[in-house]
């Protein structure tokens, strides 16, 4: 079952990635090789700096320095 699903994923994923990787696309790449919480913080930071995401969620986009400071503060309080 896994092999079949993985094969389907490998076949269907490249066209989807190339569609969203266009210059006007919406692809955000996140390094998820670390711990789950770290990956989640990276995702939140990337989305937090996206004007499009802010428009969808009614949040104000943050500049990279602000979300980096928040990530550091959150890690200090963990």
PDB file of N, CA and C in Angstrom:
ATOM      1  N   UNK A   1       0.821  -1.188   0.000  1.00  0.00           N
ATOM      2  CA  UNK A   1       0.000   0.000   0.000  1.00  0.00           C
ATOM      3  C   UNK A   1       0.872   1.263   0.000  1.00  0.00           C
ATOM      4  N   UNK A   2       1.880   1.303   0.862  1.00  0.00           N
ATOM      5  CA  UNK A   2       2.748   2.475   0.924  1.00  0.00           C
ATOM      6  C   UNK A   2       3.427   2.727  -0.416  1.00  0.00           C
ATOM      7  N   UNK A   3       3.966   1.678  -1.020  1.00  0.00           N
ATOM      8  CA  UNK A   3       4.676   1.842  -2.293  1.00  0.00           C
ATOM      9  C   UNK A   3       3.771   2.440  -3.364  1.00  0.00           C
ATOM     10  N   UNK A   4       2.526   1.993  -3.409  1.00  0.00           N
ATOM     11  CA  UNK A   4       1.577   2.514  -4.400  1.00  0.00           C
ATOM     12  C   UNK A   4       1.299   3.996  -4.147  1.00  0.00           C
ATOM     13  N   UNK A   5       1.024   4.332  -2.910  1.00  0.00           N
ATOM     14  CA  UNK A   5       0.721   5.736  -2.576  1.00  0.00           C
ATOM     15  C   UNK A   5       1.949   6.636  -2.802  1.00  0.00           C
ATOM     16  N   UNK A   6       3.118   6.141  -2.440  1.00  0.00           N
ATOM     17  CA  UNK A   6       4.330   6.929  -2.623  1.00  0.00           C
ATOM     18  C   UNK A   6       4.599   7.140  -4.110  1.00  0.00           C
ATOM     19  N   UNK A   7       4.366   6.123  -4.902  1.00  0.00           N
ATOM     20  CA  UNK A   7       4.532   6.233  -6.345  1.00  0.00           C
ATOM     21  C   UNK A   7       3.576   7.293  -6.910  1.00  0.00           C
ATOM     22  N   UNK A   8       2.341   7.279  -6.464  1.00  0.00           N
ATOM     23  CA  UNK A   8       1.365   8.281  -6.899  1.00  0.00           C
ATOM     24  C   UNK A   8       1.809   9.684  -6.485  1.00  0.00           C
ATOM     25  N   UNK A   9       2.316   9.801  -5.277  1.00  0.00           N
ATOM     26  CA  UNK A   9       2.807  11.092  -4.788  1.00  0.00           C
ATOM     27  C   UNK A   9       3.940  11.596  -5.673  1.00  0.00           C
ATOM     28  N   UNK A  10       4.891  10.722  -5.986  1.00  0.00           N
ATOM     29  CA  UNK A  10       6.047  11.120  -6.803  1.00  0.00           C
ATOM     30  C   UNK A  10       5.635  11.503  -8.221  1.00  0.00           C
ATOM     31  N   UNK A  11       4.578  10.925  -8.718  1.00  0.00           N
ATOM     32  CA  UNK A  11       4.088  11.259 -10.056  1.00  0.00           C
ATOM     33  C   UNK A  11       3.312  12.575 -10.071  1.00  0.00           C
ATOM     34  N   UNK A  12       2.502  12.802  -9.069  1.00  0.00           N
ATOM     35  CA  UNK A  12       1.634  13.975  -9.073  1.00  0.00           C
ATOM     36  C   UNK A  12       2.269  15.215  -8.447  1.00  0.00           C
ATOM     37  N   UNK A  13       3.279  15.061  -7.631  1.00  0.00           N
ATOM     38  CA  UNK A  13       3.865  16.189  -6.915  1.00  0.00           C
ATOM     39  C   UNK A  13       4.620  17.186  -7.801  1.00  0.00           C
ATOM     40  N   UNK A  14       5.482  16.765  -8.744  1.00  0.00           N
ATOM     41  CA  UNK A  14       6.233  17.748  -9.537  1.00  0.00           C
ATOM     42  C   UNK A  14       5.378  18.787 -10.269  1.00  0.00           C
ATOM     43  N   UNK A  15       4.271  18.403 -10.922  1.00  0.00           N
ATOM     44  CA  UNK A  15       3.466  19.451 -11.564  1.00  0.00           C
ATOM     45  C   UNK A  15       2.861  20.434 -10.564  1.00  0.00           C
ATOM     46  N   UNK A  16       2.491  19.943  -9.412  1.00  0.00           N
ATOM     47  CA  UNK A  16       1.928  20.826  -8.385  1.00  0.00           C
ATOM     48  C   UNK A  16       3.003  21.793  -7.892  1.00  0.00           C
ATOM     49  N   UNK A  17       4.191  21.270  -7.605  1.00  0.00           N
ATOM     50  CA  UNK A  17       5.285  22.124  -7.147  1.00  0.00           C
ATOM     51  C   UNK A  17       5.655  23.168  -8.187  1.00  0.00           C
ATOM     52  N   UNK A  18       5.753  22.763  -9.451  1.00  0.00           N
ATOM     53  CA  UNK A  18       6.138  23.729 -10.489  1.00  0.00           C
ATOM     54  C   UNK A  18       5.061  24.797 -10.662  1.00  0.00           C
ATOM     55  N   UNK A  19       3.809  24.433 -10.480  1.00  0.00           N
ATOM     56  CA  UNK A  19       2.724  25.418 -10.571  1.00  0.00           C
ATOM     57  C   UNK A  19       2.876  26.484  -9.477  1.00  0.00           C
ATOM     58  N   UNK A  20       3.078  26.056  -8.243  1.00  0.00           N
ATOM     59  CA  UNK A  20       3.157  27.005  -7.129  1.00  0.00           C
ATOM     60  C   UNK A  20       4.524  27.656  -6.978  1.00  0.00           C
ATOM     61  N   UNK A  21       5.546  27.130  -7.645  1.00  0.00           N
ATOM     62  CA  UNK A  21       6.887  27.705  -7.562  1.00  0.00           C
ATOM     63  C   UNK A  21       7.084  28.840  -8.565  1.00  0.00           C
ATOM     64  N   UNK A  22       6.092  29.089  -9.400  1.00  0.00           N
ATOM     65  CA  UNK A  22       6.197  30.195 -10.360  1.00  0.00           C
ATOM     66  C   UNK A  22       6.501  31.480  -9.602  1.00  0.00           C
ATOM     67  N   UNK A  23       7.094  32.479 -10.290  1.00  0.00           N
ATOM     68  CA  UNK A  23       7.413  33.730  -9.589  1.00  0.00           C
ATOM     69  C   UNK A  23       6.215  34.341  -8.851  1.00  0.00           C
ATOM     70  N   UNK A  24       5.036  34.248  -9.429  1.00  0.00           N
ATOM     71  CA  UNK A  24       3.852  34.780  -8.759  1.00  0.00           C
ATOM     72  C   UNK A  24       3.151  33.719  -7.922  1.00  0.00           C
ATOM     73  N   UNK A  25       3.799  32.582  -7.774  1.00  0.00           N
ATOM     74  CA  UNK A  25       3.212  31.445  -7.060  1.00  0.00           C
ATOM     75  C   UNK A  25       3.203  31.614  -5.556  1.00  0.00           C
ATOM     76  N   UNK A  26       2.778  30.541  -4.906  1.00  0.00           N
ATOM     77  CA  UNK A  26       2.584  30.600  -3.460  1.00  0.00           C
ATOM     78  C   UNK A  26       3.406  29.572  -2.705  1.00  0.00           C
ATOM     79  N   UNK A  27       4.409  29.018  -3.322  1.00  0.00           N
ATOM     80  CA  UNK A  27       5.184  27.965  -2.679  1.00  0.00           C
ATOM     81  C   UNK A  27       6.087  28.540  -1.595  1.00  0.00           C
ATOM     82  N   UNK A  28       5.995  27.971  -0.414  1.00  0.00           N
ATOM     83  CA  UNK A  28       6.883  28.316   0.695  1.00  0.00           C
ATOM     84  C   UNK A  28       7.627  27.036   1.053  1.00  0.00           C
ATOM     85  N   UNK A  29       8.935  27.099   1.060  1.00  0.00           N
ATOM     86  CA  UNK A  29       9.739  25.928   1.388  1.00  0.00           C
ATOM     87  C   UNK A  29      10.207  26.046   2.837  1.00  0.00           C
ATOM     88  N   UNK A  30       9.971  24.994   3.609  1.00  0.00           N
ATOM     89  CA  UNK A  30      10.333  24.972   5.024  1.00  0.00           C
ATOM     90  C   UNK A  30      11.232  23.768   5.276  1.00  0.00           C
ATOM     91  N   UNK A  31      12.369  24.000   5.926  1.00  0.00           N
ATOM     92  CA  UNK A  31      13.250  22.903   6.321  1.00  0.00           C
ATOM     93  C   UNK A  31      12.639  22.224   7.544  1.00  0.00           C
ATOM     94  N   UNK A  32      12.193  20.997   7.370  1.00  0.00           N
ATOM     95  CA  UNK A  32      11.544  20.274   8.462  1.00  0.00           C
ATOM     96  C   UNK A  32      12.430  19.160   9.004  1.00  0.00           C
ATOM     97  N   UNK A  33      13.742  19.310   8.834  1.00  0.00           N
ATOM     98  CA  UNK A  33      14.650  18.259   9.297  1.00  0.00           C
ATOM     99  C   UNK A  33      14.883  18.302  10.806  1.00  0.00           C
ATOM    100  N   UNK A  34      14.462  19.380  11.449  1.00  0.00           N
ATOM    101  CA  UNK A  34      14.648  19.490  12.899  1.00  0.00           C
ATOM    102  C   UNK A  34      13.466  18.936  13.662  1.00  0.00           C
ATOM    103  N   UNK A  35      13.351  19.346  14.890  1.00  0.00           N
ATOM    104  CA  UNK A  35      12.253  18.910  15.754  1.00  0.00           C
ATOM    105  C   UNK A  35      10.927  19.459  15.243  1.00  0.00           C
ATOM    106  N   UNK A  36       9.842  18.803  15.586  1.00  0.00           N
ATOM    107  CA  UNK A  36       8.514  19.200  15.129  1.00  0.00           C
ATOM    108  C   UNK A  36       8.198  20.636  15.525  1.00  0.00           C
ATOM    109  N   UNK A  37       8.444  20.997  16.772  1.00  0.00           N
ATOM    110  CA  UNK A  37       8.157  22.352  17.244  1.00  0.00           C
ATOM    111  C   UNK A  37       8.975  23.389  16.465  1.00  0.00           C
ATOM    112  N   UNK A  38      10.229  23.087  16.201  1.00  0.00           N
ATOM    113  CA  UNK A  38      11.085  23.998  15.436  1.00  0.00           C
ATOM    114  C   UNK A  38      10.530  24.172  14.018  1.00  0.00           C
ATOM    115  N   UNK A  39      10.114  23.081  13.392  1.00  0.00           N
ATOM    116  CA  UNK A  39       9.541  23.146  12.048  1.00  0.00           C
ATOM    117  C   UNK A  39       8.270  23.973  12.048  1.00  0.00           C
ATOM    118  N   UNK A  40       7.448  23.780  13.064  1.00  0.00           N
ATOM    119  CA  UNK A  40       6.202  24.530  13.175  1.00  0.00           C
ATOM    120  C   UNK A  40       6.485  26.023  13.342  1.00  0.00           C
ATOM    121  N   UNK A  41       7.473  26.371  14.125  1.00  0.00           N
ATOM    122  CA  UNK A  41       7.849  27.778  14.297  1.00  0.00           C
ATOM    123  C   UNK A  41       8.346  28.372  12.993  1.00  0.00           C
ATOM    124  N   UNK A  42       9.103  27.601  12.233  1.00  0.00           N
ATOM    125  CA  UNK A  42       9.573  28.079  10.925  1.00  0.00           C
ATOM    126  C   UNK A  42       8.403  28.331   9.985  1.00  0.00           C
ATOM    127  N   UNK A  43       7.421  27.434  10.003  1.00  0.00           N
ATOM    128  CA  UNK A  43       6.230  27.608   9.177  1.00  0.00           C
ATOM    129  C   UNK A  43       5.466  28.862   9.598  1.00  0.00           C
ATOM    130  N   UNK A  44       5.267  29.023  10.889  1.00  0.00           N
ATOM    131  CA  UNK A  44       4.570  30.209  11.378  1.00  0.00           C
ATOM    132  C   UNK A  44       5.304  31.485  10.984  1.00  0.00           C
ATOM    133  N   UNK A  45       6.625  31.472  11.068  1.00  0.00           N
ATOM    134  CA  UNK A  45       7.417  32.644  10.708  1.00  0.00           C
ATOM    135  C   UNK A  45       7.275  32.958   9.220  1.00  0.00           C
ATOM    136  N   UNK A  46       7.343  31.932   8.394  1.00  0.00           N
ATOM    137  CA  UNK A  46       7.221  32.143   6.951  1.00  0.00           C
ATOM    138  C   UNK A  46       5.837  32.674   6.595  1.00  0.00           C
ATOM    139  N   UNK A  47       4.814  32.095   7.182  1.00  0.00           N
ATOM    140  CA  UNK A  47       3.460  32.573   6.914  1.00  0.00           C
ATOM    141  C   UNK A  47       3.245  33.966   7.498  1.00  0.00           C
ATOM    142  N   UNK A  48       3.874  34.230   8.640  1.00  0.00           N
ATOM    143  CA  UNK A  48       3.728  35.531   9.280  1.00  0.00           C
ATOM    144  C   UNK A  48       4.287  36.674   8.461  1.00  0.00           C
ATOM    145  N   UNK A  49       5.212  36.396   7.568  1.00  0.00           N
ATOM    146  CA  UNK A  49       5.789  37.449   6.735  1.00  0.00           C
ATOM    147  C   UNK A  49       5.125  37.522   5.361  1.00  0.00           C
ATOM    148  N   UNK A  50       4.109  36.721   5.123  1.00  0.00           N
ATOM    149  CA  UNK A  50       3.417  36.681   3.841  1.00  0.00           C
ATOM    150  C   UNK A  50       2.241  37.650   3.820  1.00  0.00           C
ATOM    151  N   UNK A  51       2.264  38.593   2.900  1.00  0.00           N
ATOM    152  CA  UNK A  51       1.153  39.537   2.781  1.00  0.00           C
ATOM    153  C   UNK A  51      -0.126  38.821   2.370  1.00  0.00           C
ATOM    154  N   UNK A  52       0.008  37.821   1.505  1.00  0.00           N
ATOM    155  CA  UNK A  52      -1.176  37.083   1.069  1.00  0.00           C
ATOM    156  C   UNK A  52      -1.809  36.335   2.247  1.00  0.00           C
ATOM    157  N   UNK A  53      -0.967  35.695   3.062  1.00  0.00           N
ATOM    158  CA  UNK A  53      -1.486  34.981   4.235  1.00  0.00           C
ATOM    159  C   UNK A  53      -2.151  35.971   5.190  1.00  0.00           C
ATOM    160  N   UNK A  54      -1.538  37.132   5.349  1.00  0.00           N
ATOM    161  CA  UNK A  54      -2.111  38.153   6.227  1.00  0.00           C
ATOM    162  C   UNK A  54      -3.486  38.580   5.725  1.00  0.00           C
ATOM    163  N   UNK A  55      -3.625  38.712   4.413  1.00  0.00           N
ATOM    164  CA  UNK A  55      -4.921  39.097   3.852  1.00  0.00           C
ATOM    165  C   UNK A  55      -5.970  38.016   4.097  1.00  0.00           C
ATOM    166  N   UNK A  56      -5.553  36.763   4.025  1.00  0.00           N
ATOM    167  CA  UNK A  56      -6.489  35.659   4.251  1.00  0.00           C
ATOM    168  C   UNK A  56      -6.872  35.517   5.720  1.00  0.00           C
ATOM    169  N   UNK A  57      -5.971  35.893   6.609  1.00  0.00           N
ATOM    170  CA  UNK A  57      -6.211  35.698   8.039  1.00  0.00           C
ATOM    171  C   UNK A  57      -6.447  36.999   8.793  1.00  0.00           C
ATOM    172  N   UNK A  58      -6.451  38.115   8.084  1.00  0.00           N
ATOM    173  CA  UNK A  58      -6.638  39.443   8.678  1.00  0.00           C
ATOM    174  C   UNK A  58      -5.554  39.782   9.693  1.00  0.00           C
ATOM    175  N   UNK A  59      -4.359  39.270   9.487  1.00  0.00           N
ATOM    176  CA  UNK A  59      -3.226  39.587  10.355  1.00  0.00           C
ATOM    177  C   UNK A  59      -2.304  40.557   9.631  1.00  0.00           C
ATOM    178  N   UNK A  60      -1.568  41.334  10.365  1.00  0.00           N
ATOM    179  CA  UNK A  60      -0.592  42.227   9.783  1.00  0.00           C
ATOM    180  C   UNK A  60       0.686  41.454   9.516  1.00  0.00           C
ATOM    181  N   UNK A  61       1.231  41.525   8.283  1.00  0.00           N
ATOM    182  CA  UNK A  61       2.485  40.817   8.028  1.00  0.00           C
ATOM    183  C   UNK A  61       3.604  41.362   8.907  1.00  0.00           C
ATOM    184  N   UNK A  62       4.493  40.489   9.309  1.00  0.00           N
ATOM    185  CA  UNK A  62       5.605  40.880  10.169  1.00  0.00           C
ATOM    186  C   UNK A  62       6.885  40.855   9.359  1.00  0.00           C
ATOM    187  N   UNK A  63       7.763  41.759   9.680  1.00  0.00           N
ATOM    188  CA  UNK A  63       9.055  41.750   9.034  1.00  0.00           C
ATOM    189  C   UNK A  63       9.905  40.637   9.633  1.00  0.00           C
ATOM    190  N   UNK A  64      10.846  40.086   8.863  1.00  0.00           N
ATOM    191  CA  UNK A  64      11.655  38.957   9.358  1.00  0.00           C
ATOM    192  C   UNK A  64      12.273  39.185  10.737  1.00  0.00           C
ATOM    193  N   UNK A  65      12.720  40.381  11.015  1.00  0.00           N
ATOM    194  CA  UNK A  65      13.344  40.640  12.313  1.00  0.00           C
ATOM    195  C   UNK A  65      12.341  40.438  13.436  1.00  0.00           C
ATOM    196  N   UNK A  66      11.090  40.859  13.223  1.00  0.00           N
ATOM    197  CA  UNK A  66      10.072  40.708  14.260  1.00  0.00           C
ATOM    198  C   UNK A  66       9.759  39.246  14.542  1.00  0.00           C
ATOM    199  N   UNK A  67       9.579  38.437  13.490  1.00  0.00           N
ATOM    200  CA  UNK A  67       9.253  37.042  13.766  1.00  0.00           C
ATOM    201  C   UNK A  67      10.444  36.271  14.265  1.00  0.00           C
ATOM    202  N   UNK A  68      11.659  36.700  13.905  1.00  0.00           N
ATOM    203  CA  UNK A  68      12.847  36.056  14.459  1.00  0.00           C
ATOM    204  C   UNK A  68      12.923  36.355  15.961  1.00  0.00           C
ATOM    205  N   UNK A  69      12.634  37.575  16.342  1.00  0.00           N
ATOM    206  CA  UNK A  69      12.628  37.954  17.756  1.00  0.00           C
ATOM    207  C   UNK A  69      11.568  37.153  18.513  1.00  0.00           C
ATOM    208  N   UNK A  70      10.377  36.996  17.923  1.00  0.00           N
ATOM    209  CA  UNK A  70       9.319  36.217  18.565  1.00  0.00           C
ATOM    210  C   UNK A  70       9.724  34.762  18.731  1.00  0.00           C
ATOM    211  N   UNK A  71      10.365  34.184  17.698  1.00  0.00           N
ATOM    212  CA  UNK A  71      10.812  32.791  17.793  1.00  0.00           C
ATOM    213  C   UNK A  71      11.805  32.641  18.936  1.00  0.00           C
ATOM    214  N   UNK A  72      12.735  33.584  19.048  1.00  0.00           N
ATOM    215  CA  UNK A  72      13.738  33.534  20.100  1.00  0.00           C
ATOM    216  C   UNK A  72      13.085  33.675  21.463  1.00  0.00           C
ATOM    217  N   UNK A  73      12.131  34.606  21.588  1.00  0.00           N
ATOM    218  CA  UNK A  73      11.428  34.801  22.846  1.00  0.00           C
ATOM    219  C   UNK A  73      10.643  33.541  23.235  1.00  0.00           C
ATOM    220  N   UNK A  74       9.971  32.943  22.269  1.00  0.00           N
ATOM    221  CA  UNK A  74       9.185  31.737  22.538  1.00  0.00           C
ATOM    222  C   UNK A  74      10.087  30.574  22.994  1.00  0.00           C
ATOM    223  N   UNK A  75      11.252  30.450  22.398  1.00  0.00           N
ATOM    224  CA  UNK A  75      12.173  29.383  22.788  1.00  0.00           C
ATOM    225  C   UNK A  75      12.715  29.625  24.199  1.00  0.00           C
ATOM    226  N   UNK A  76      12.917  30.873  24.556  1.00  0.00           N
ATOM    227  CA  UNK A  76      13.426  31.206  25.886  1.00  0.00           C
ATOM    228  C   UNK A  76      12.405  30.883  26.966  1.00  0.00           C
ATOM    229  N   UNK A  77      11.117  30.986  26.617  1.00  0.00           N
ATOM    230  CA  UNK A  77      10.060  30.727  27.595  1.00  0.00           C
ATOM    231  C   UNK A  77       9.639  29.261  27.631  1.00  0.00           C
ATOM    232  N   UNK A  78      10.187  28.444  26.730  1.00  0.00           N
ATOM    233  CA  UNK A  78       9.810  27.011  26.687  1.00  0.00           C
ATOM    234  C   UNK A  78      10.548  26.211  27.731  1.00  0.00           C
TER     235      UNK A  78
END
